[in-house]
Amino acid sequence: MGKVCEICGKGPDFGQSISHSHKSTKKKRKPNLHRIKVKTESGEQRLWVCTRCIRSGVVKKAL
């Protein structure tokens, strides 16, 4: 399983770095994911969740 937010589906972003001489190299930007305990209908689960979902209150942390 690749590291993807299990709430919103945010995953890695691919692009290119371009140097001053305009030589391009491949680049991969990874999302800021945390493995936290989340309250769900079926109980508490440990999920990979991005920090944007945590901050916005989409997920409810389990204590």
C-alpha atoms as a PDB file:
ATOM      1  CA  MET A   1       0.000   0.000   0.000  1.00  0.00           C
ATOM      2  CA  GLY A   2       1.355   3.412  -0.929  1.00  0.00           C
ATOM      3  CA  LYS A   3       1.115   6.168   1.615  1.00  0.00           C
ATOM      4  CA  VAL A   4      -2.148   7.904   0.786  1.00  0.00           C
ATOM      5  CA  CYS A   5      -4.549   9.757   3.093  1.00  0.00           C
ATOM      6  CA  GLU A   6      -7.356   7.314   3.827  1.00  0.00           C
ATOM      7  CA  ILE A   7      -9.871  10.163   4.270  1.00  0.00           C
ATOM      8  CA  CYS A   8      -9.363  12.482   1.278  1.00  0.00           C
ATOM      9  CA  GLY A   9      -7.122  10.314  -0.939  1.00  0.00           C
ATOM     10  CA  LYS A  10      -4.212  12.774  -1.108  1.00  0.00           C
ATOM     11  CA  GLY A  11      -1.091  11.041  -2.416  1.00  0.00           C
ATOM     12  CA  PRO A  12       2.350  11.878  -3.775  1.00  0.00           C
ATOM     13  CA  ASP A  13       2.734  14.641  -6.347  1.00  0.00           C
ATOM     14  CA  PHE A  14       5.201  14.293  -9.220  1.00  0.00           C
ATOM     15  CA  GLY A  15       6.999  17.075 -11.028  1.00  0.00           C
ATOM     16  CA  GLN A  16      10.385  18.300 -12.151  1.00  0.00           C
ATOM     17  CA  SER A  17      13.079  20.505 -10.649  1.00  0.00           C
ATOM     18  CA  ILE A  18      14.558  22.864 -13.219  1.00  0.00           C
ATOM     19  CA  SER A  19      18.093  24.140 -12.610  1.00  0.00           C
ATOM     20  CA  HIS A  20      19.568  27.452 -13.668  1.00  0.00           C
ATOM     21  CA  SER A  21      20.922  25.790 -16.828  1.00  0.00           C
ATOM     22  CA  HIS A  22      17.384  24.498 -17.456  1.00  0.00           C
ATOM     23  CA  LYS A  23      18.324  20.862 -16.855  1.00  0.00           C
ATOM     24  CA  SER A  24      15.323  19.049 -15.389  1.00  0.00           C
ATOM     25  CA  THR A  25      15.358  16.226 -12.854  1.00  0.00           C
ATOM     26  CA  LYS A  26      12.420  14.238 -11.553  1.00  0.00           C
ATOM     27  CA  LYS A  27      10.969  15.159  -8.182  1.00  0.00           C
ATOM     28  CA  LYS A  28       8.422  13.546  -5.852  1.00  0.00           C
ATOM     29  CA  ARG A  29       6.586  15.524  -3.155  1.00  0.00           C
ATOM     30  CA  LYS A  30       5.042  13.382  -0.431  1.00  0.00           C
ATOM     31  CA  PRO A  31       2.004  14.450   1.628  1.00  0.00           C
ATOM     32  CA  ASN A  32       2.390  15.117   5.355  1.00  0.00           C
ATOM     33  CA  LEU A  33       0.734  11.986   6.762  1.00  0.00           C
ATOM     34  CA  HIS A  34       0.347  10.836  10.359  1.00  0.00           C
ATOM     35  CA  ARG A  35      -0.815   7.461  11.618  1.00  0.00           C
ATOM     36  CA  ILE A  36      -3.431   8.285  14.267  1.00  0.00           C
ATOM     37  CA  LYS A  37      -6.252   6.559  16.111  1.00  0.00           C
ATOM     38  CA  VAL A  38      -9.569   7.684  14.643  1.00  0.00           C
ATOM     39  CA  LYS A  39     -13.128   7.153  15.866  1.00  0.00           C
ATOM     40  CA  THR A  40     -15.260   5.428  13.225  1.00  0.00           C
ATOM     41  CA  GLU A  41     -18.681   3.763  13.184  1.00  0.00           C
ATOM     42  CA  SER A  42     -17.052   0.353  13.647  1.00  0.00           C
ATOM     43  CA  GLY A  43     -14.886   1.534  16.575  1.00  0.00           C
ATOM     44  CA  GLU A  44     -11.366   2.897  16.824  1.00  0.00           C
ATOM     45  CA  GLN A  45      -8.932   2.369  13.946  1.00  0.00           C
ATOM     46  CA  ARG A  46      -5.391   3.434  13.135  1.00  0.00           C
ATOM     47  CA  LEU A  47      -5.396   5.278   9.801  1.00  0.00           C
ATOM     48  CA  TRP A  48      -2.940   7.264   7.685  1.00  0.00           C
ATOM     49  CA  VAL A  49      -4.430  10.783   7.705  1.00  0.00           C
ATOM     50  CA  CYS A  50      -3.015  13.995   6.211  1.00  0.00           C
ATOM     51  CA  THR A  51      -2.539  16.998   8.460  1.00  0.00           C
ATOM     52  CA  ARG A  52      -5.094  19.038   6.527  1.00  0.00           C
ATOM     53  CA  CYS A  53      -7.845  16.547   7.430  1.00  0.00           C
ATOM     54  CA  ILE A  54      -6.729  16.594  11.079  1.00  0.00           C
ATOM     55  CA  ARG A  55      -6.657  20.415  11.264  1.00  0.00           C
ATOM     56  CA  SER A  56      -9.979  20.937   9.506  1.00  0.00           C
ATOM     57  CA  GLY A  57     -11.779  18.556  11.882  1.00  0.00           C
ATOM     58  CA  VAL A  58     -12.791  16.009   9.246  1.00  0.00           C
ATOM     59  CA  VAL A  59     -11.576  13.202  11.523  1.00  0.00           C
ATOM     60  CA  LYS A  60     -12.210  12.820  15.232  1.00  0.00           C
ATOM     61  CA  LYS A  61      -9.202  11.606  17.227  1.00  0.00           C
ATOM     62  CA  ALA A  62      -9.736   8.745  19.664  1.00  0.00           C
ATOM     63  CA  LEU A  63      -8.330   9.196  23.152  1.00  0.00           C
END
